[in-house]
Structure formats: C-alpha cells, structure tokens
PDB file of all heavy atoms in Angstrom:
ATOM      1  N   GLY A   1      23.075 -11.217 -10.443  1.00  0.00           N
ATOM      2  CA  GLY A   1      22.001 -12.186 -10.313  1.00  0.00           C
ATOM      3  C   GLY A   1      21.185 -12.016  -9.044  1.00  0.00           C
ATOM      4  O   GLY A   1      20.849 -10.904  -8.618  1.00  0.00           O
ATOM      5  N   ILE A   2      20.896 -13.138  -8.403  1.00  0.00           N
ATOM      6  CA  ILE A   2      20.038 -13.143  -7.222  1.00  0.00           C
ATOM      7  C   ILE A   2      20.662 -12.365  -6.078  1.00  0.00           C
ATOM      8  O   ILE A   2      19.968 -11.762  -5.251  1.00  0.00           O
ATOM      9  CB  ILE A   2      19.727 -14.603  -6.791  1.00  0.00           C
ATOM     10  CG1 ILE A   2      18.633 -14.620  -5.712  1.00  0.00           C
ATOM     11  CG2 ILE A   2      20.997 -15.299  -6.310  1.00  0.00           C
ATOM     12  CD1 ILE A   2      17.295 -14.174  -6.210  1.00  0.00           C
ATOM     13  N   PHE A   3      21.996 -12.325  -6.021  1.00  0.00           N
ATOM     14  CA  PHE A   3      22.679 -11.608  -4.943  1.00  0.00           C
ATOM     15  C   PHE A   3      22.519 -10.089  -5.115  1.00  0.00           C
ATOM     16  O   PHE A   3      22.462  -9.347  -4.142  1.00  0.00           O
ATOM     17  CB  PHE A   3      24.162 -12.000  -4.907  1.00  0.00           C
ATOM     18  CG  PHE A   3      24.388 -13.433  -4.567  1.00  0.00           C
ATOM     19  CD1 PHE A   3      24.568 -14.379  -5.564  1.00  0.00           C
ATOM     20  CD2 PHE A   3      24.388 -13.849  -3.242  1.00  0.00           C
ATOM     21  CE1 PHE A   3      24.767 -15.712  -5.245  1.00  0.00           C
ATOM     22  CE2 PHE A   3      24.594 -15.177  -2.914  1.00  0.00           C
ATOM     23  CZ  PHE A   3      24.779 -16.119  -3.928  1.00  0.00           C
ATOM     24  N   HIS A   4      22.426  -9.650  -6.372  1.00  0.00           N
ATOM     25  CA  HIS A   4      22.149  -8.232  -6.629  1.00  0.00           C
ATOM     26  C   HIS A   4      20.755  -7.865  -6.145  1.00  0.00           C
ATOM     27  O   HIS A   4      20.543  -6.799  -5.536  1.00  0.00           O
ATOM     28  CB  HIS A   4      22.297  -7.961  -8.128  1.00  0.00           C
ATOM     29  CG  HIS A   4      22.012  -6.541  -8.509  1.00  0.00           C
ATOM     30  ND1 HIS A   4      22.686  -5.471  -7.955  1.00  0.00           N
ATOM     31  CD2 HIS A   4      21.094  -6.021  -9.381  1.00  0.00           C
ATOM     32  CE1 HIS A   4      22.224  -4.348  -8.469  1.00  0.00           C
ATOM     33  NE2 HIS A   4      21.249  -4.661  -9.335  1.00  0.00           N
ATOM     34  N   LEU A   5      19.803  -8.761  -6.390  1.00  0.00           N
ATOM     35  CA  LEU A   5      18.430  -8.522  -5.931  1.00  0.00           C
ATOM     36  C   LEU A   5      18.357  -8.488  -4.406  1.00  0.00           C
ATOM     37  O   LEU A   5      17.659  -7.653  -3.815  1.00  0.00           O
ATOM     38  CB  LEU A   5      17.499  -9.611  -6.482  1.00  0.00           C
ATOM     39  CG  LEU A   5      16.024  -9.502  -6.116  1.00  0.00           C
ATOM     40  CD1 LEU A   5      15.440  -8.186  -6.620  1.00  0.00           C
ATOM     41  CD2 LEU A   5      15.235 -10.672  -6.699  1.00  0.00           C
ATOM     42  N   LYS A   6      19.085  -9.353  -3.747  1.00  0.00           N
ATOM     43  CA  LYS A   6      19.098  -9.362  -2.277  1.00  0.00           C
ATOM     44  C   LYS A   6      19.634  -8.048  -1.727  1.00  0.00           C
ATOM     45  O   LYS A   6      19.131  -7.520  -0.732  1.00  0.00           O
ATOM     46  CB  LYS A   6      19.962 -10.521  -1.772  1.00  0.00           C
ATOM     47  CG  LYS A   6      19.307 -11.886  -1.898  1.00  0.00           C
ATOM     48  CD  LYS A   6      20.219 -12.962  -1.322  1.00  0.00           C
ATOM     49  CE  LYS A   6      19.548 -14.329  -1.389  1.00  0.00           C
ATOM     50  NZ  LYS A   6      20.428 -15.400  -0.848  1.00  0.00           N
ATOM     51  N   ASN A   7      20.667  -7.522  -2.370  1.00  0.00           N
ATOM     52  CA  ASN A   7      21.219  -6.233  -1.923  1.00  0.00           C
ATOM     53  C   ASN A   7      20.209  -5.104  -2.062  1.00  0.00           C
ATOM     54  O   ASN A   7      20.114  -4.223  -1.213  1.00  0.00           O
ATOM     55  CB  ASN A   7      22.484  -5.903  -2.724  1.00  0.00           C
ATOM     56  CG  ASN A   7      23.703  -6.620  -2.185  1.00  0.00           C
ATOM     57  OD1 ASN A   7      23.727  -6.997  -1.015  1.00  0.00           O
ATOM     58  ND2 ASN A   7      24.701  -6.813  -3.025  1.00  0.00           N
ATOM     59  N   ILE A   8      19.469  -5.134  -3.172  1.00  0.00           N
ATOM     60  CA  ILE A   8      18.429  -4.110  -3.373  1.00  0.00           C
ATOM     61  C   ILE A   8      17.381  -4.207  -2.271  1.00  0.00           C
ATOM     62  O   ILE A   8      16.973  -3.195  -1.675  1.00  0.00           O
ATOM     63  CB  ILE A   8      17.778  -4.268  -4.763  1.00  0.00           C
ATOM     64  CG1 ILE A   8      18.787  -3.917  -5.850  1.00  0.00           C
ATOM     65  CG2 ILE A   8      16.537  -3.381  -4.875  1.00  0.00           C
ATOM     66  CD1 ILE A   8      18.275  -4.133  -7.253  1.00  0.00           C
ATOM     67  N   LEU A   9      16.954  -5.437  -1.973  1.00  0.00           N
ATOM     68  CA  LEU A   9      15.940  -5.625  -0.925  1.00  0.00           C
ATOM     69  C   LEU A   9      16.468  -5.179   0.435  1.00  0.00           C
ATOM     70  O   LEU A   9      15.733  -4.629   1.252  1.00  0.00           O
ATOM     71  CB  LEU A   9      15.513  -7.094  -0.867  1.00  0.00           C
ATOM     72  CG  LEU A   9      14.729  -7.621  -2.073  1.00  0.00           C
ATOM     73  CD1 LEU A   9      14.473  -9.116  -1.933  1.00  0.00           C
ATOM     74  CD2 LEU A   9      13.403  -6.879  -2.214  1.00  0.00           C
ATOM     75  N   ARG A  10      17.766  -5.415   0.694  1.00  0.00           N
ATOM     76  CA  ARG A  10      18.336  -5.076   1.987  1.00  0.00           C
ATOM     77  C   ARG A  10      18.503  -3.566   2.150  1.00  0.00           C
ATOM     78  O   ARG A  10      18.315  -3.013   3.227  1.00  0.00           O
ATOM     79  CB  ARG A  10      19.676  -5.794   2.165  1.00  0.00           C
ATOM     80  CG  ARG A  10      20.293  -5.595   3.542  1.00  0.00           C
ATOM     81  CD  ARG A  10      21.476  -6.492   3.788  1.00  0.00           C
ATOM     82  NE  ARG A  10      22.558  -6.234   2.837  1.00  0.00           N
ATOM     83  CZ  ARG A  10      22.931  -7.086   1.877  1.00  0.00           C
ATOM     84  NH1 ARG A  10      22.307  -8.239   1.747  1.00  0.00           N
ATOM     85  NH2 ARG A  10      23.919  -6.776   1.051  1.00  0.00           N
ATOM     86  N   THR A  11      18.871  -2.876   1.064  1.00  0.00           N
ATOM     87  CA  THR A  11      19.159  -1.434   1.173  1.00  0.00           C
ATOM     88  C   THR A  11      17.947  -0.557   0.859  1.00  0.00           C
ATOM     89  O   THR A  11      17.882   0.585   1.310  1.00  0.00           O
ATOM     90  CB  THR A  11      20.306  -1.061   0.221  1.00  0.00           C
ATOM     91  OG1 THR A  11      19.954  -1.427  -1.121  1.00  0.00           O
ATOM     92  CG2 THR A  11      21.586  -1.771   0.620  1.00  0.00           C
ATOM     93  N   LYS A  12      17.002  -1.079   0.105  1.00  0.00           N
ATOM     94  CA  LYS A  12      15.842  -0.274  -0.310  1.00  0.00           C
ATOM     95  C   LYS A  12      14.534  -0.791   0.287  1.00  0.00           C
ATOM     96  O   LYS A  12      13.456  -0.557  -0.248  1.00  0.00           O
ATOM     97  CB  LYS A  12      15.722  -0.291  -1.848  1.00  0.00           C
ATOM     98  CG  LYS A  12      16.986   0.095  -2.591  1.00  0.00           C
ATOM     99  CD  LYS A  12      17.373   1.556  -2.364  1.00  0.00           C
ATOM    100  CE  LYS A  12      18.580   1.931  -3.211  1.00  0.00           C
ATOM    101  NZ  LYS A  12      19.032   3.315  -2.981  1.00  0.00           N
ATOM    102  N   TRP A  13      14.625  -1.476   1.422  1.00  0.00           N
ATOM    103  CA  TRP A  13      13.413  -2.116   1.958  1.00  0.00           C
ATOM    104  C   TRP A  13      12.354  -1.106   2.372  1.00  0.00           C
ATOM    105  O   TRP A  13      11.143  -1.350   2.241  1.00  0.00           O
ATOM    106  CB  TRP A  13      13.773  -3.027   3.127  1.00  0.00           C
ATOM    107  CG  TRP A  13      14.335  -2.320   4.324  1.00  0.00           C
ATOM    108  CD1 TRP A  13      15.616  -1.987   4.547  1.00  0.00           C
ATOM    109  CD2 TRP A  13      13.603  -1.864   5.464  1.00  0.00           C
ATOM    110  NE1 TRP A  13      15.758  -1.347   5.744  1.00  0.00           N
ATOM    111  CE2 TRP A  13      14.528  -1.261   6.341  1.00  0.00           C
ATOM    112  CE3 TRP A  13      12.270  -1.908   5.846  1.00  0.00           C
ATOM    113  CZ2 TRP A  13      14.159  -0.698   7.546  1.00  0.00           C
ATOM    114  CZ3 TRP A  13      11.888  -1.361   7.052  1.00  0.00           C
ATOM    115  CH2 TRP A  13      12.818  -0.762   7.886  1.00  0.00           C
ATOM    116  N   LEU A  14      12.782   0.055   2.852  1.00  0.00           N
ATOM    117  CA  LEU A  14      11.789   1.059   3.247  1.00  0.00           C
ATOM    118  C   LEU A  14      10.991   1.556   2.044  1.00  0.00           C
ATOM    119  O   LEU A  14       9.775   1.731   2.107  1.00  0.00           O
ATOM    120  CB  LEU A  14      12.487   2.235   3.935  1.00  0.00           C
ATOM    121  CG  LEU A  14      12.821   2.056   5.416  1.00  0.00           C
ATOM    122  CD1 LEU A  14      13.603   3.253   5.921  1.00  0.00           C
ATOM    123  CD2 LEU A  14      11.547   1.872   6.233  1.00  0.00           C
ATOM    124  N   ILE A  15      11.694   1.779   0.934  1.00  0.00           N
ATOM    125  CA  ILE A  15      11.003   2.227  -0.282  1.00  0.00           C
ATOM    126  C   ILE A  15      10.041   1.162  -0.773  1.00  0.00           C
ATOM    127  O   ILE A  15       8.891   1.453  -1.149  1.00  0.00           O
ATOM    128  CB  ILE A  15      12.038   2.576  -1.371  1.00  0.00           C
ATOM    129  CG1 ILE A  15      12.897   3.757  -0.917  1.00  0.00           C
ATOM    130  CG2 ILE A  15      11.358   2.883  -2.694  1.00  0.00           C
ATOM    131  CD1 ILE A  15      14.020   4.093  -1.868  1.00  0.00           C
ATOM    132  N   LEU A  16      10.484  -0.111  -0.749  1.00  0.00           N
ATOM    133  CA  LEU A  16       9.622  -1.199  -1.214  1.00  0.00           C
ATOM    134  C   LEU A  16       8.393  -1.353  -0.331  1.00  0.00           C
ATOM    135  O   LEU A  16       7.281  -1.563  -0.821  1.00  0.00           O
ATOM    136  CB  LEU A  16      10.420  -2.512  -1.249  1.00  0.00           C
ATOM    137  CG  LEU A  16      11.580  -2.552  -2.261  1.00  0.00           C
ATOM    138  CD1 LEU A  16      12.399  -3.817  -2.077  1.00  0.00           C
ATOM    139  CD2 LEU A  16      11.020  -2.479  -3.682  1.00  0.00           C
ATOM    140  N   ILE A  17       8.610  -1.223   1.001  1.00  0.00           N
ATOM    141  CA  ILE A  17       7.462  -1.306   1.909  1.00  0.00           C
ATOM    142  C   ILE A  17       6.502  -0.151   1.650  1.00  0.00           C
ATOM    143  O   ILE A  17       5.282  -0.297   1.666  1.00  0.00           O
ATOM    144  CB  ILE A  17       7.940  -1.311   3.375  1.00  0.00           C
ATOM    145  CG1 ILE A  17       8.627  -2.636   3.696  1.00  0.00           C
ATOM    146  CG2 ILE A  17       6.771  -1.081   4.333  1.00  0.00           C
ATOM    147  CD1 ILE A  17       9.226  -2.709   5.079  1.00  0.00           C
ATOM    148  N   GLY A  18       7.076   1.044   1.393  1.00  0.00           N
ATOM    149  CA  GLY A  18       6.235   2.200   1.099  1.00  0.00           C
ATOM    150  C   GLY A  18       5.401   1.996  -0.146  1.00  0.00           C
ATOM    151  O   GLY A  18       4.214   2.356  -0.191  1.00  0.00           O
ATOM    152  N   ILE A  19       6.029   1.396  -1.193  1.00  0.00           N
ATOM    153  CA  ILE A  19       5.284   1.128  -2.425  1.00  0.00           C
ATOM    154  C   ILE A  19       4.159   0.132  -2.168  1.00  0.00           C
ATOM    155  O   ILE A  19       3.019   0.314  -2.622  1.00  0.00           O
ATOM    156  CB  ILE A  19       6.244   0.607  -3.520  1.00  0.00           C
ATOM    157  CG1 ILE A  19       7.213   1.721  -3.930  1.00  0.00           C
ATOM    158  CG2 ILE A  19       5.467   0.113  -4.728  1.00  0.00           C
ATOM    159  CD1 ILE A  19       8.320   1.263  -4.850  1.00  0.00           C
ATOM    160  N   CYS A  20       4.480  -0.934  -1.427  1.00  0.00           N
ATOM    161  CA  CYS A  20       3.444  -1.925  -1.096  1.00  0.00           C
ATOM    162  C   CYS A  20       2.328  -1.298  -0.275  1.00  0.00           C
ATOM    163  O   CYS A  20       1.138  -1.568  -0.509  1.00  0.00           O
ATOM    164  CB  CYS A  20       4.065  -3.094  -0.324  1.00  0.00           C
ATOM    165  SG  CYS A  20       5.210  -4.086  -1.302  1.00  0.00           S
ATOM    166  N   PHE A  21       2.717  -0.454   0.687  1.00  0.00           N
ATOM    167  CA  PHE A  21       1.712   0.213   1.526  1.00  0.00           C
ATOM    168  C   PHE A  21       0.813   1.114   0.685  1.00  0.00           C
ATOM    169  O   PHE A  21      -0.396   1.172   0.886  1.00  0.00           O
ATOM    170  CB  PHE A  21       2.415   1.019   2.618  1.00  0.00           C
ATOM    171  CG  PHE A  21       1.480   1.753   3.535  1.00  0.00           C
ATOM    172  CD1 PHE A  21       0.766   1.076   4.512  1.00  0.00           C
ATOM    173  CD2 PHE A  21       1.308   3.124   3.422  1.00  0.00           C
ATOM    174  CE1 PHE A  21      -0.105   1.742   5.346  1.00  0.00           C
ATOM    175  CE2 PHE A  21       0.445   3.800   4.258  1.00  0.00           C
ATOM    176  CZ  PHE A  21      -0.270   3.109   5.219  1.00  0.00           C
ATOM    177  N   PHE A  22       1.426   1.811  -0.282  1.00  0.00           N
ATOM    178  CA  PHE A  22       0.647   2.694  -1.156  1.00  0.00           C
ATOM    179  C   PHE A  22      -0.402   1.904  -1.936  1.00  0.00           C
ATOM    180  O   PHE A  22      -1.561   2.292  -2.018  1.00  0.00           O
ATOM    181  CB  PHE A  22       1.588   3.426  -2.111  1.00  0.00           C
ATOM    182  CG  PHE A  22       0.881   4.188  -3.194  1.00  0.00           C
ATOM    183  CD1 PHE A  22       0.278   5.401  -2.918  1.00  0.00           C
ATOM    184  CD2 PHE A  22       0.800   3.678  -4.484  1.00  0.00           C
ATOM    185  CE1 PHE A  22      -0.397   6.108  -3.914  1.00  0.00           C
ATOM    186  CE2 PHE A  22       0.139   4.364  -5.479  1.00  0.00           C
ATOM    187  CZ  PHE A  22      -0.461   5.580  -5.195  1.00  0.00           C
ATOM    188  N   PHE A  23       0.030   0.762  -2.510  1.00  0.00           N
ATOM    189  CA  PHE A  23      -0.918  -0.025  -3.301  1.00  0.00           C
ATOM    190  C   PHE A  23      -1.999  -0.646  -2.411  1.00  0.00           C
ATOM    191  O   PHE A  23      -3.167  -0.752  -2.813  1.00  0.00           O
ATOM    192  CB  PHE A  23      -0.186  -1.109  -4.092  1.00  0.00           C
ATOM    193  CG  PHE A  23       0.505  -0.591  -5.319  1.00  0.00           C
ATOM    194  CD1 PHE A  23       1.887  -0.499  -5.369  1.00  0.00           C
ATOM    195  CD2 PHE A  23      -0.229  -0.167  -6.415  1.00  0.00           C
ATOM    196  CE1 PHE A  23       2.527  -0.001  -6.487  1.00  0.00           C
ATOM    197  CE2 PHE A  23       0.405   0.335  -7.558  1.00  0.00           C
ATOM    198  CZ  PHE A  23       1.783   0.417  -7.593  1.00  0.00           C
ATOM    199  N   CYS A  24      -1.622  -1.048  -1.202  1.00  0.00           N
ATOM    200  CA  CYS A  24      -2.632  -1.591  -0.274  1.00  0.00           C
ATOM    201  C   CYS A  24      -3.650  -0.522   0.099  1.00  0.00           C
ATOM    202  O   CYS A  24      -4.855  -0.781   0.129  1.00  0.00           O
ATOM    203  CB  CYS A  24      -1.949  -2.138   0.983  1.00  0.00           C
ATOM    204  SG  CYS A  24      -1.015  -3.649   0.725  1.00  0.00           S
ATOM    205  N   CYS A  25      -3.150   0.694   0.397  1.00  0.00           N
ATOM    206  CA  CYS A  25      -4.064   1.789   0.739  1.00  0.00           C
ATOM    207  C   CYS A  25      -4.969   2.138  -0.435  1.00  0.00           C
ATOM    208  O   CYS A  25      -6.164   2.383  -0.261  1.00  0.00           O
ATOM    209  CB  CYS A  25      -3.264   3.019   1.170  1.00  0.00           C
ATOM    210  SG  CYS A  25      -2.521   2.868   2.803  1.00  0.00           S
ATOM    211  N   SER A  26      -4.391   2.146  -1.639  1.00  0.00           N
ATOM    212  CA  SER A  26      -5.195   2.451  -2.825  1.00  0.00           C
ATOM    213  C   SER A  26      -6.293   1.416  -3.007  1.00  0.00           C
ATOM    214  O   SER A  26      -7.437   1.747  -3.345  1.00  0.00           O
ATOM    215  CB  SER A  26      -4.304   2.491  -4.071  1.00  0.00           C
ATOM    216  OG  SER A  26      -3.326   3.498  -3.954  1.00  0.00           O
ATOM    217  N   PHE A  27      -5.944   0.155  -2.756  1.00  0.00           N
ATOM    218  CA  PHE A  27      -6.943  -0.908  -2.874  1.00  0.00           C
ATOM    219  C   PHE A  27      -8.053  -0.731  -1.836  1.00  0.00           C
ATOM    220  O   PHE A  27      -9.243  -0.837  -2.148  1.00  0.00           O
ATOM    221  CB  PHE A  27      -6.269  -2.265  -2.695  1.00  0.00           C
ATOM    222  CG  PHE A  27      -7.212  -3.430  -2.761  1.00  0.00           C
ATOM    223  CD1 PHE A  27      -7.640  -3.929  -3.981  1.00  0.00           C
ATOM    224  CD2 PHE A  27      -7.679  -4.027  -1.596  1.00  0.00           C
ATOM    225  CE1 PHE A  27      -8.519  -4.994  -4.037  1.00  0.00           C
ATOM    226  CE2 PHE A  27      -8.555  -5.097  -1.647  1.00  0.00           C
ATOM    227  CZ  PHE A  27      -8.972  -5.581  -2.871  1.00  0.00           C
ATOM    228  N   LEU A  28      -7.645  -0.441  -0.591  1.00  0.00           N
ATOM    229  CA  LEU A  28      -8.636  -0.259   0.469  1.00  0.00           C
ATOM    230  C   LEU A  28      -9.526   0.946   0.195  1.00  0.00           C
ATOM    231  O   LEU A  28     -10.740   0.895   0.372  1.00  0.00           O
ATOM    232  CB  LEU A  28      -7.935  -0.102   1.820  1.00  0.00           C
ATOM    233  CG  LEU A  28      -7.250  -1.354   2.379  1.00  0.00           C
ATOM    234  CD1 LEU A  28      -6.481  -1.000   3.643  1.00  0.00           C
ATOM    235  CD2 LEU A  28      -8.267  -2.447   2.664  1.00  0.00           C
ATOM    236  N   LEU A  29      -8.894   2.046  -0.259  1.00  0.00           N
ATOM    237  CA  LEU A  29      -9.659   3.261  -0.518  1.00  0.00           C
ATOM    238  C   LEU A  29     -10.695   3.060  -1.609  1.00  0.00           C
ATOM    239  O   LEU A  29     -11.713   3.743  -1.635  1.00  0.00           O
ATOM    240  CB  LEU A  29      -8.717   4.403  -0.908  1.00  0.00           C
ATOM    241  CG  LEU A  29      -7.821   4.940   0.204  1.00  0.00           C
ATOM    242  CD1 LEU A  29      -6.847   5.961  -0.349  1.00  0.00           C
ATOM    243  CD2 LEU A  29      -8.645   5.554   1.323  1.00  0.00           C
ATOM    244  N   SER A  30     -10.448   2.140  -2.511  1.00  0.00           N
ATOM    245  CA  SER A  30     -11.383   1.923  -3.609  1.00  0.00           C
ATOM    246  C   SER A  30     -12.391   0.814  -3.326  1.00  0.00           C
ATOM    247  O   SER A  30     -13.309   0.611  -4.115  1.00  0.00           O
ATOM    248  CB  SER A  30     -10.608   1.592  -4.893  1.00  0.00           C
ATOM    249  OG  SER A  30      -9.847   0.411  -4.726  1.00  0.00           O
ATOM    250  N   HIS A  31     -12.234   0.095  -2.202  1.00  0.00           N
ATOM    251  CA  HIS A  31     -13.130  -1.039  -1.945  1.00  0.00           C
ATOM    252  C   HIS A  31     -13.805  -1.020  -0.575  1.00  0.00           C
ATOM    253  O   HIS A  31     -14.674  -1.848  -0.328  1.00  0.00           O
ATOM    254  CB  HIS A  31     -12.353  -2.360  -2.085  1.00  0.00           C
ATOM    255  CG  HIS A  31     -11.974  -2.689  -3.498  1.00  0.00           C
ATOM    256  ND1 HIS A  31     -10.870  -2.133  -4.125  1.00  0.00           N
ATOM    257  CD2 HIS A  31     -12.571  -3.485  -4.426  1.00  0.00           C
ATOM    258  CE1 HIS A  31     -10.792  -2.605  -5.354  1.00  0.00           C
ATOM    259  NE2 HIS A  31     -11.802  -3.412  -5.569  1.00  0.00           N
ATOM    260  N   ILE A  32     -13.392  -0.091   0.324  1.00  0.00           N
ATOM    261  CA  ILE A  32     -13.948  -0.102   1.690  1.00  0.00           C
ATOM    262  C   ILE A  32     -14.851   1.107   1.893  1.00  0.00           C
ATOM    263  O   ILE A  32     -14.562   2.189   1.407  1.00  0.00           O
ATOM    264  CB  ILE A  32     -12.803  -0.081   2.719  1.00  0.00           C
ATOM    265  CG1 ILE A  32     -12.053  -1.392   2.637  1.00  0.00           C
ATOM    266  CG2 ILE A  32     -13.287   0.204   4.118  1.00  0.00           C
ATOM    267  CD1 ILE A  32     -12.060  -2.257   3.828  1.00  0.00           C
ATOM    268  N   ILE A  33     -15.934   0.882   2.624  1.00  0.00           N
ATOM    269  CA  ILE A  33     -16.851   1.966   2.994  1.00  0.00           C
ATOM    270  C   ILE A  33     -16.535   2.387   4.426  1.00  0.00           C
ATOM    271  O   ILE A  33     -16.495   1.558   5.332  1.00  0.00           O
ATOM    272  CB  ILE A  33     -18.314   1.505   2.899  1.00  0.00           C
ATOM    273  CG1 ILE A  33     -18.708   1.288   1.439  1.00  0.00           C
ATOM    274  CG2 ILE A  33     -19.245   2.518   3.548  1.00  0.00           C
ATOM    275  CD1 ILE A  33     -18.679   2.537   0.589  1.00  0.00           C
ATOM    276  N   VAL A  34     -16.283   3.691   4.627  1.00  0.00           N
ATOM    277  CA  VAL A  34     -15.947   4.177   5.968  1.00  0.00           C
ATOM    278  C   VAL A  34     -17.063   5.025   6.573  1.00  0.00           C
ATOM    279  O   VAL A  34     -17.009   5.356   7.752  1.00  0.00           O
ATOM    280  CB  VAL A  34     -14.644   4.996   5.955  1.00  0.00           C
ATOM    281  CG1 VAL A  34     -13.487   4.156   5.469  1.00  0.00           C
ATOM    282  CG2 VAL A  34     -14.785   6.246   5.091  1.00  0.00           C
ATOM    283  N   ASP A  35     -18.074   5.379   5.785  1.00  0.00           N
ATOM    284  CA  ASP A  35     -19.144   6.223   6.343  1.00  0.00           C
ATOM    285  C   ASP A  35     -20.418   6.009   5.547  1.00  0.00           C
ATOM    286  O   ASP A  35     -20.381   5.676   4.353  1.00  0.00           O
ATOM    287  CB  ASP A  35     -18.742   7.702   6.290  1.00  0.00           C
ATOM    288  CG  ASP A  35     -19.649   8.578   7.146  1.00  0.00           C
ATOM    289  OD1 ASP A  35     -20.343   8.021   8.015  1.00  0.00           O
ATOM    290  OD2 ASP A  35     -19.665   9.793   6.936  1.00  0.00           O
ATOM    291  N   ILE A  36     -21.550   6.186   6.236  1.00  0.00           N
ATOM    292  CA  ILE A  36     -22.876   6.087   5.602  1.00  0.00           C
ATOM    293  C   ILE A  36     -23.659   7.325   6.002  1.00  0.00           C
ATOM    294  O   ILE A  36     -23.862   7.583   7.186  1.00  0.00           O
ATOM    295  CB  ILE A  36     -23.629   4.820   6.049  1.00  0.00           C
ATOM    296  CG1 ILE A  36     -22.825   3.567   5.657  1.00  0.00           C
ATOM    297  CG2 ILE A  36     -25.017   4.769   5.425  1.00  0.00           C
ATOM    298  CD1 ILE A  36     -23.375   2.279   6.214  1.00  0.00           C
ATOM    299  N   ASP A  37     -24.076   8.096   5.021  1.00  0.00           N
ATOM    300  CA  ASP A  37     -24.801   9.347   5.263  1.00  0.00           C
ATOM    301  C   ASP A  37     -26.250   9.170   4.815  1.00  0.00           C
ATOM    302  O   ASP A  37     -26.534   9.110   3.618  1.00  0.00           O
ATOM    303  CB  ASP A  37     -24.127  10.488   4.492  1.00  0.00           C
ATOM    304  CG  ASP A  37     -24.700  11.847   4.871  1.00  0.00           C
ATOM    305  OD1 ASP A  37     -25.519  11.902   5.804  1.00  0.00           O
ATOM    306  OD2 ASP A  37     -24.334  12.846   4.222  1.00  0.00           O
ATOM    307  N   VAL A  38     -27.139   9.035   5.787  1.00  0.00           N
ATOM    308  CA  VAL A  38     -28.570   8.896   5.496  1.00  0.00           C
ATOM    309  C   VAL A  38     -29.195  10.278   5.567  1.00  0.00           C
ATOM    310  O   VAL A  38     -29.186  10.917   6.623  1.00  0.00           O
ATOM    311  CB  VAL A  38     -29.250   7.936   6.500  1.00  0.00           C
ATOM    312  CG1 VAL A  38     -30.733   7.802   6.178  1.00  0.00           C
ATOM    313  CG2 VAL A  38     -28.575   6.570   6.458  1.00  0.00           C
ATOM    314  N   ILE A  39     -29.748  10.743   4.464  1.00  0.00           N
ATOM    315  CA  ILE A  39     -30.251  12.111   4.360  1.00  0.00           C
ATOM    316  C   ILE A  39     -31.772  12.122   4.430  1.00  0.00           C
ATOM    317  O   ILE A  39     -32.453  11.600   3.546  1.00  0.00           O
ATOM    318  CB  ILE A  39     -29.779  12.761   3.045  1.00  0.00           C
ATOM    319  CG1 ILE A  39     -28.246  12.770   2.984  1.00  0.00           C
ATOM    320  CG2 ILE A  39     -30.322  14.168   2.903  1.00  0.00           C
ATOM    321  CD1 ILE A  39     -27.693  13.253   1.667  1.00  0.00           C
ATOM    322  N   HIS A  40     -32.298  12.713   5.500  1.00  0.00           N
ATOM    323  CA  HIS A  40     -33.738  12.951   5.640  1.00  0.00           C
ATOM    324  C   HIS A  40     -33.960  13.828   6.858  1.00  0.00           C
ATOM    325  O   HIS A  40     -33.196  13.772   7.824  1.00  0.00           O
ATOM    326  CB  HIS A  40     -34.517  11.638   5.786  1.00  0.00           C
ATOM    327  CG  HIS A  40     -35.988  11.782   5.517  1.00  0.00           C
ATOM    328  ND1 HIS A  40     -36.889  12.123   6.498  1.00  0.00           N
ATOM    329  CD2 HIS A  40     -36.696  11.663   4.374  1.00  0.00           C
ATOM    330  CE1 HIS A  40     -38.106  12.188   5.962  1.00  0.00           C
ATOM    331  NE2 HIS A  40     -38.009  11.910   4.667  1.00  0.00           N
ATOM    332  N   SER A  41     -34.991  14.637   6.810  1.00  0.00           N
ATOM    333  CA  SER A  41     -35.243  15.573   7.902  1.00  0.00           C
ATOM    334  C   SER A  41     -35.843  14.891   9.129  1.00  0.00           C
ATOM    335  O   SER A  41     -35.716  15.382  10.250  1.00  0.00           O
ATOM    336  CB  SER A  41     -36.180  16.694   7.436  1.00  0.00           C
ATOM    337  OG  SER A  41     -37.403  16.153   6.961  1.00  0.00           O
TER     338      SER A  41
END
C-alpha cells in the first residue's frame, strides 16, 4: 500500500526528480523564447 509507495519515493527520488526535470525542461523548451534574430543589412 502507501508504505510501498513511500519506499519507492525514498529509494528512487533521483530518478523521479530527473523525470520531473525532463518534463519541466520540455515544457520550457516549447514555450520560452531565448533569442531574437532580426535579419536586415
């Protein structure tokens, strides 16, 4: 039950944080502008 879930969170927290970080980065990469290139001589 819930105690099994707690053990998973305690032992696999780095993997879970990595997954969350991946999804956060994916969200940012698809919604944030990091550069503006104005083209003219």
